[in-house]
Protein backbone atom coordinates (compact mmCIF):
# COMPACT_ATOMS: atom_id res chain seq x y z
CA UNK A 1 126.14 71.20 73.62
CA UNK A 2 127.14 74.46 73.64
CA UNK A 3 128.18 76.40 76.89
CA UNK A 4 128.38 79.95 77.69
CA UNK A 5 129.65 81.25 80.86
CA UNK A 6 128.61 84.93 81.55
CA UNK A 7 131.30 84.91 84.38
CA UNK A 8 133.73 85.25 81.35
CA UNK A 9 134.25 88.82 80.99
CA UNK A 10 134.70 88.98 77.22
CA UNK A 11 131.39 87.15 76.85
CA UNK A 12 129.61 89.35 79.49
CA UNK A 13 130.64 92.51 77.90
CA UNK A 14 129.54 91.37 74.45
CA UNK A 15 126.24 90.51 75.45
CA UNK A 16 125.68 93.34 78.00
CA UNK A 17 126.11 95.65 75.04
CA UNK A 18 124.16 93.56 72.45
CA UNK A 19 122.11 90.57 73.74
CA UNK A 20 121.12 89.87 70.32
CA UNK A 21 124.49 88.64 69.32
CA UNK A 22 123.51 85.32 71.11
CA UNK A 23 121.92 84.22 67.94
CA UNK A 24 125.40 84.50 66.20
CA UNK A 25 126.85 82.17 68.61
CA UNK A 26 124.52 79.22 67.65
CA UNK A 27 124.58 77.37 64.55
CA UNK A 28 121.30 78.27 62.52
CA UNK A 29 120.48 74.23 62.44
CA UNK A 30 121.80 73.29 65.69
CA UNK A 31 119.73 70.97 67.31
CA UNK A 32 121.44 70.15 70.84
CA UNK A 33 121.21 71.88 74.32
CA UNK A 34 122.50 75.50 74.84
CA UNK A 35 123.53 76.13 78.31
CA UNK A 36 124.03 80.01 79.57
CA UNK A 37 125.44 79.78 82.88
CA UNK A 38 124.60 83.01 85.42
CA UNK A 39 121.72 84.09 82.99
CA UNK A 40 120.85 86.80 85.78
CA UNK A 41 124.05 88.71 84.83
CA UNK A 42 122.47 89.70 81.18
CA UNK A 43 118.63 89.40 81.82
CA UNK A 44 118.02 91.14 78.32
CA UNK A 45 119.40 87.77 76.65
CA UNK A 46 116.14 86.04 77.86
CA UNK A 47 114.47 88.09 75.07
CA UNK A 48 116.87 86.43 72.34
CA UNK A 49 116.18 83.10 74.07
CA UNK A 50 112.53 83.48 73.63
CA UNK A 51 112.85 84.46 70.08
CA UNK A 52 115.07 81.37 69.34
CA UNK A 53 112.70 79.01 70.99
CA UNK A 54 109.64 80.21 69.50
CA UNK A 55 111.41 80.87 66.03
CA UNK A 56 113.61 77.64 65.76
CA UNK A 57 112.58 75.33 68.50
CA UNK A 58 115.95 75.56 70.26
CA UNK A 59 116.37 74.03 73.67
CA UNK A 60 118.14 75.94 76.47
CA UNK A 61 119.32 75.34 80.08
CA UNK A 62 119.67 78.52 81.87
CA UNK A 63 121.45 78.72 85.11
CA UNK A 64 121.76 81.25 87.80
CA UNK A 65 122.42 82.14 91.44
CA UNK A 66 119.97 84.76 91.98
CA UNK A 67 116.22 85.60 90.85
CA UNK A 68 116.38 89.03 92.07
CA UNK A 69 117.91 90.80 89.35
CA UNK A 70 115.78 89.07 86.78
CA UNK A 71 112.72 90.31 88.63
CA UNK A 72 114.03 93.52 89.23
CA UNK A 73 114.52 94.48 85.89
CA UNK A 74 111.11 92.96 84.66
CA UNK A 75 112.76 90.43 82.56
CA UNK A 76 111.20 87.94 80.45
CA UNK A 77 110.80 84.92 82.63
CA UNK A 78 109.79 82.62 79.90
CA UNK A 79 106.48 81.88 81.39
CA UNK A 80 104.99 78.74 80.24
CA UNK A 81 108.00 77.74 78.20
CA UNK A 82 110.41 77.01 80.97
CA UNK A 83 110.58 74.71 83.61
CA UNK A 84 112.31 75.53 87.01
CA UNK A 85 114.65 73.23 88.87
CA UNK A 86 116.61 74.00 91.88
CA UNK A 87 119.67 72.18 93.08
CA UNK A 88 120.59 71.66 96.73
CA UNK A 89 123.65 70.48 98.80
CA UNK A 90 124.14 66.66 98.40
CA UNK A 91 122.00 64.65 100.33
CA UNK A 92 122.89 61.47 102.51
CA UNK A 93 121.02 59.34 99.99
CA UNK A 94 123.10 60.84 97.19
CA UNK A 95 126.70 60.18 99.35
CA UNK A 96 125.49 56.79 100.30
CA UNK A 97 128.54 55.05 102.00
CA UNK A 98 130.50 58.57 101.70
CA UNK A 99 127.92 60.11 104.19
CA UNK A 100 129.71 60.95 107.52
CA UNK A 101 127.78 62.88 110.16
CA UNK A 102 130.53 64.33 111.98
CA UNK A 103 131.94 65.84 108.85
CA UNK A 104 128.66 66.82 107.59
CA UNK A 105 128.09 69.09 110.72
CA UNK A 106 131.22 70.62 110.37
CA UNK A 107 131.78 71.36 106.55
CA UNK A 108 128.16 70.70 105.19
CA UNK A 109 127.16 68.96 101.74
CA UNK A 110 128.33 71.59 99.14
CA UNK A 111 129.60 69.32 96.44
CA UNK A 112 132.89 71.28 95.97
CA UNK A 113 133.75 70.28 99.38
CA UNK A 114 134.20 66.86 98.85
CA UNK A 115 137.31 67.47 96.59
CA UNK A 116 138.72 69.89 98.80
CA UNK A 117 141.91 69.27 100.78
CA UNK A 118 141.01 71.95 103.08
CA UNK A 119 137.36 72.33 103.35
CA UNK A 120 137.48 74.93 105.91
CA UNK A 121 139.48 77.22 103.71
CA UNK A 122 137.25 76.58 100.72
CA UNK A 123 134.12 77.54 103.00
CA UNK A 124 135.67 81.03 104.38
CA UNK A 125 136.67 81.57 100.32
CA UNK A 126 132.96 80.91 99.32
CA UNK A 127 131.81 83.33 101.75
CA UNK A 128 134.42 86.07 100.80
CA UNK A 129 133.90 85.76 97.33
CA UNK A 130 130.39 85.04 96.84
CA UNK A 131 128.31 86.18 99.75
CA UNK A 132 130.36 89.38 100.02
CA UNK A 133 131.94 90.21 97.02
CA UNK A 134 129.57 88.62 94.50
CA UNK A 135 126.76 90.62 96.25
CA UNK A 136 128.72 93.86 96.19
CA UNK A 137 129.57 93.48 92.48
CA UNK A 138 125.99 92.74 91.53
CA UNK A 139 124.85 95.79 93.26
CA UNK A 140 122.56 94.09 95.89
CA UNK A 141 124.15 96.25 98.56
CA UNK A 142 126.42 99.45 98.54
CA UNK A 143 127.96 98.79 102.03
CA UNK A 144 129.61 95.45 102.49
CA UNK A 145 130.97 96.35 105.68
CA UNK A 146 127.49 96.54 107.17
CA UNK A 147 126.31 93.47 105.04
CA UNK A 148 129.30 91.44 106.57
CA UNK A 149 128.16 92.51 110.03
CA UNK A 150 124.71 91.54 109.42
CA UNK A 151 125.79 88.08 108.24
CA UNK A 152 127.54 87.26 111.52
CA UNK A 153 124.72 88.68 113.47
CA UNK A 154 122.12 86.67 111.89
CA UNK A 155 124.36 83.47 111.99
CA UNK A 156 123.17 83.58 115.87
CA UNK A 157 119.51 83.38 114.60
CA UNK A 158 120.16 79.92 112.89
CA UNK A 159 117.32 77.72 114.22
CA UNK A 160 115.81 80.28 115.97
CA UNK A 161 112.76 82.50 115.64
CA UNK A 162 113.88 85.76 113.76
CA UNK A 163 113.64 89.07 115.51
CA UNK A 164 114.45 91.58 112.96
CA UNK A 165 114.36 94.42 115.28
CA UNK A 166 116.86 92.80 117.48
CA UNK A 167 119.29 92.19 114.73
CA UNK A 168 118.89 95.93 113.62
CA UNK A 169 119.92 96.97 116.93
CA UNK A 170 123.16 94.71 117.27
CA UNK A 171 124.64 95.94 113.87
CA UNK A 172 123.33 99.30 114.15
CA UNK A 173 120.99 99.26 111.16
CA UNK A 174 117.41 100.37 110.58
CA UNK A 175 114.81 97.68 110.30
CA UNK A 176 114.08 97.83 106.76
CA UNK A 177 117.75 97.49 105.83
CA UNK A 178 117.96 94.29 107.71
CA UNK A 179 114.70 93.19 106.29
CA UNK A 180 116.19 93.92 102.81
CA UNK A 181 119.21 92.22 103.53
CA UNK A 182 117.32 89.09 104.48
CA UNK A 183 115.27 89.05 101.25
CA UNK A 184 118.66 89.17 99.42
CA UNK A 185 120.03 85.94 101.19
CA UNK A 186 116.59 84.25 100.19
CA UNK A 187 116.78 85.50 96.70
CA UNK A 188 120.23 84.15 96.38
CA UNK A 189 118.73 80.87 97.59
CA UNK A 190 121.29 80.71 100.61
CA UNK A 191 118.93 81.24 103.51
CA UNK A 192 115.13 80.00 104.36
CA UNK A 193 112.69 81.27 106.58
CA UNK A 194 110.43 78.86 108.25
CA UNK A 195 106.77 79.45 109.06
CA UNK A 196 104.99 78.29 112.07
CA UNK A 197 102.34 75.61 111.37
CA UNK A 198 98.87 76.92 112.11
CA UNK A 199 96.58 74.89 110.30
CA UNK A 200 93.43 74.66 112.73
CA UNK A 201 95.52 75.75 115.46
CA UNK A 202 93.84 74.95 118.96
CA UNK A 203 95.86 76.87 120.98
CA UNK A 204 97.94 80.40 120.91
CA UNK A 205 100.84 80.20 118.72
CA UNK A 206 104.04 82.46 118.15
CA UNK A 207 103.98 84.37 114.87
CA UNK A 208 107.57 84.78 113.92
CA UNK A 209 109.43 82.69 111.42
CA UNK A 210 112.64 80.77 111.89
CA UNK A 211 115.89 81.35 110.21
CA UNK A 212 118.29 78.93 108.52
CA UNK A 213 121.35 79.19 106.24
CA UNK A 214 120.77 76.83 103.36
CA UNK A 215 124.00 74.48 104.33
CA UNK A 216 125.23 73.62 107.73
CA UNK A 217 128.92 74.05 106.51
CA UNK A 218 128.17 77.65 105.39
CA UNK A 219 126.47 78.46 108.52
CA UNK A 220 129.37 77.28 110.72
CA UNK A 221 131.68 79.31 108.44
CA UNK A 222 129.83 82.44 108.88
CA UNK A 223 129.16 82.02 112.74
CA UNK A 224 132.03 83.56 114.64
CA UNK A 225 134.21 81.25 116.64
CA UNK A 226 136.54 82.53 119.64
CA UNK A 227 136.92 82.51 123.42
CA UNK A 228 133.53 83.64 124.14
CA UNK A 229 131.81 81.32 121.33
CA UNK A 230 131.13 77.91 122.72
CA UNK A 231 131.38 75.08 119.96
CA UNK A 232 128.29 73.43 121.39
CA UNK A 233 125.98 76.17 121.03
CA UNK A 234 126.74 75.93 117.24
CA UNK A 235 126.13 72.35 116.90
CA UNK A 236 122.56 72.05 118.07
CA UNK A 237 121.52 74.49 115.16
CA UNK A 238 124.17 72.70 112.75
CA UNK A 239 122.35 69.21 113.19
CA UNK A 240 118.86 71.01 112.71
CA UNK A 241 120.39 72.71 109.60
CA UNK A 242 121.51 69.48 108.31
CA UNK A 243 118.16 67.70 108.70
CA UNK A 244 116.27 70.53 107.08
CA UNK A 245 118.48 70.98 104.01
CA UNK A 246 118.02 66.98 103.60
CA UNK A 247 114.29 67.26 103.77
CA UNK A 248 114.20 70.17 101.54
CA UNK A 249 116.26 68.68 98.78
CA UNK A 250 114.33 65.01 99.24
CA UNK A 251 111.21 66.94 99.02
CA UNK A 252 111.77 68.83 95.68
CA UNK A 253 113.43 65.99 93.94
CA UNK A 254 110.84 63.38 95.00
CA UNK A 255 107.96 66.00 94.23
CA UNK A 256 106.44 64.80 97.44
CA UNK A 257 104.44 67.94 98.16
CA UNK A 258 105.27 68.61 101.66
CA UNK A 259 105.14 72.18 103.08
CA UNK A 260 107.89 72.57 105.77
CA UNK A 261 107.01 74.34 109.17
CA UNK A 262 108.14 74.34 112.67
CA UNK A 263 105.71 74.82 115.71
CA UNK A 264 105.83 76.84 118.68
CA UNK A 265 103.29 77.76 121.44
CA UNK A 266 103.13 81.17 122.79
CA UNK A 267 104.57 79.58 126.02
CA UNK A 268 107.62 78.34 124.29
CA UNK A 269 106.74 74.52 123.73
CA UNK A 270 108.21 73.90 120.30
CA UNK A 271 108.75 71.07 117.72
CA UNK A 272 111.47 71.50 115.35
CA UNK A 273 110.00 70.62 112.20
CA UNK A 274 106.72 69.78 110.88
CA UNK A 275 105.93 68.42 107.27
CA UNK A 276 102.30 68.65 106.06
CA UNK A 277 100.99 67.19 102.80
CA UNK A 278 98.46 64.92 101.43
CA UNK A 279 100.47 62.15 102.60
CA UNK A 280 100.07 63.19 106.19
CA UNK A 281 101.56 65.08 109.23
CA UNK A 282 105.02 64.13 110.34
CA UNK A 283 106.52 65.91 113.44
CA UNK A 284 110.45 65.83 114.16
CA UNK A 285 112.35 67.08 117.14
CA UNK A 286 116.06 66.97 116.70
CA UNK A 287 118.45 66.54 120.10
CA UNK A 288 122.22 66.03 120.00
CA UNK A 289 122.19 64.06 123.22
CA UNK A 290 123.30 60.40 123.32
CA UNK A 291 120.49 59.42 125.65
CA UNK A 292 116.72 59.74 125.41
CA UNK A 293 115.18 62.11 127.77
CA UNK A 294 111.28 61.70 128.00
CA UNK A 295 111.14 65.37 129.42
CA UNK A 296 111.92 66.46 125.86
CA UNK A 297 108.95 64.85 124.31
CA UNK A 298 106.69 67.75 125.69
CA UNK A 299 106.51 69.54 122.37
CA UNK A 300 105.76 66.37 120.29
CA UNK A 301 103.11 64.85 123.03
CA UNK A 302 101.36 68.55 123.04
CA UNK A 303 101.52 68.52 119.34
CA UNK A 304 99.94 64.97 119.26
CA UNK A 305 97.14 66.37 121.40
CA UNK A 306 96.23 68.98 118.69
CA UNK A 307 97.12 66.54 115.93
CA UNK A 308 96.71 62.91 116.92
CA UNK A 309 96.92 61.54 113.43
CA UNK A 310 100.54 63.08 113.20
CA UNK A 311 103.67 60.70 113.13
CA UNK A 312 105.98 61.86 115.56
CA UNK A 313 110.14 61.25 115.62
CA UNK A 314 112.51 62.03 118.34
CA UNK A 315 115.79 61.99 116.42
CA UNK A 316 118.92 61.88 118.90
CA UNK A 317 122.53 60.75 118.94
CA UNK A 318 122.19 57.59 120.57
CA UNK A 319 122.43 54.15 118.55
CA UNK A 320 118.69 52.52 119.48
CA UNK A 321 115.30 52.80 117.71
CA UNK A 322 112.75 52.92 120.75
CA UNK A 323 109.07 53.70 120.85
CA UNK A 324 107.24 55.57 123.24
CA UNK A 325 103.50 55.32 122.58
CA UNK A 326 103.00 57.33 119.33
CA UNK A 327 106.69 58.58 119.27
CA UNK A 328 109.31 57.01 117.76
CA UNK A 329 112.92 57.77 118.98
CA UNK A 330 115.48 57.15 116.43
CA UNK A 331 119.31 57.70 116.05
CA UNK A 332 119.76 60.95 114.03
CA UNK A 333 122.17 58.98 111.64
CA UNK A 334 119.55 56.27 111.00
CA UNK A 335 116.86 58.78 110.18
CA UNK A 336 119.24 60.35 107.67
CA UNK A 337 119.80 57.02 105.83
CA UNK A 338 115.98 56.19 105.98
CA UNK A 339 114.26 59.33 105.51
CA UNK A 340 113.43 58.41 101.87
CA UNK A 341 111.47 55.50 103.28
CA UNK A 342 110.10 57.23 105.90
CA UNK A 343 108.37 60.34 103.84
CA UNK A 344 108.52 58.75 100.24
CA UNK A 345 104.50 58.79 98.98
CA UNK A 346 103.42 55.26 99.10
CA UNK A 347 102.56 53.54 95.83
CA UNK A 348 98.96 53.68 94.81
């Protein structure tokens, strides 16, 4: 295998000056894989890649952390000649017996976490060197100070409806700048916006998306912690985030085809997550409490009125599975370990 890392300064300069030199780095009769890492740093290399695919049938693996620069430069995106794959934080299924809910809620599931002596220090280094410095180096924003303030402010929107005007006022930026910053996070695949489930809606619903960073550990490291910041306030969104990142990864890897939403009425009655696909509708409410409180079934019960075919789950911090008519109460840790069997498409 040939591996070319565009974070290597010399290689980066050479190919930036002359992308065609890529041809000279590959033996003419080579028939193995060619890996080019951080391809977005030299988008013009894609033209040479295209040429080598067409003329010599060469095979490439192109990796990168941002599609923004490729799109902004009208790059050759190899339409019809390339498959796109996404890699996510590790899942509970991948970790198996190494899955630890308490650690996951604090440090997340980035693969490098599991080889670090100090996971917290690694996460802060990740934020400082990637989410901030890399963004500045790539020219995605010219004002690192305002972007850093924005990151902290939007961390308080984790798991909440996204009110761009309110965030803009908090950090003293205009609305369009905040909108652009959110787009940067999405293009770098480090944040998601979750839309409202509105299919055949029978009642008035809110219109704002919900916001999530892609990994619990990254979210916890960005969110400020101090005398006025209660740890408990961060734990609820952290639990939701861990569930969401698990579902997104399993859905993608398994090619299950679910679209992921949340549901909230105009009066504030909410269901945390709704999965919709040709296998059905699943609704999940996530709670930290170790006890089941049927009053917290309000959102699921209202959702069932509108969608009686839905399979509804109340995930909580206890240790028993219980059944309440059409709602299954399940320990959150059990849910993480059994999500594939809950959501996996049935055999034909």
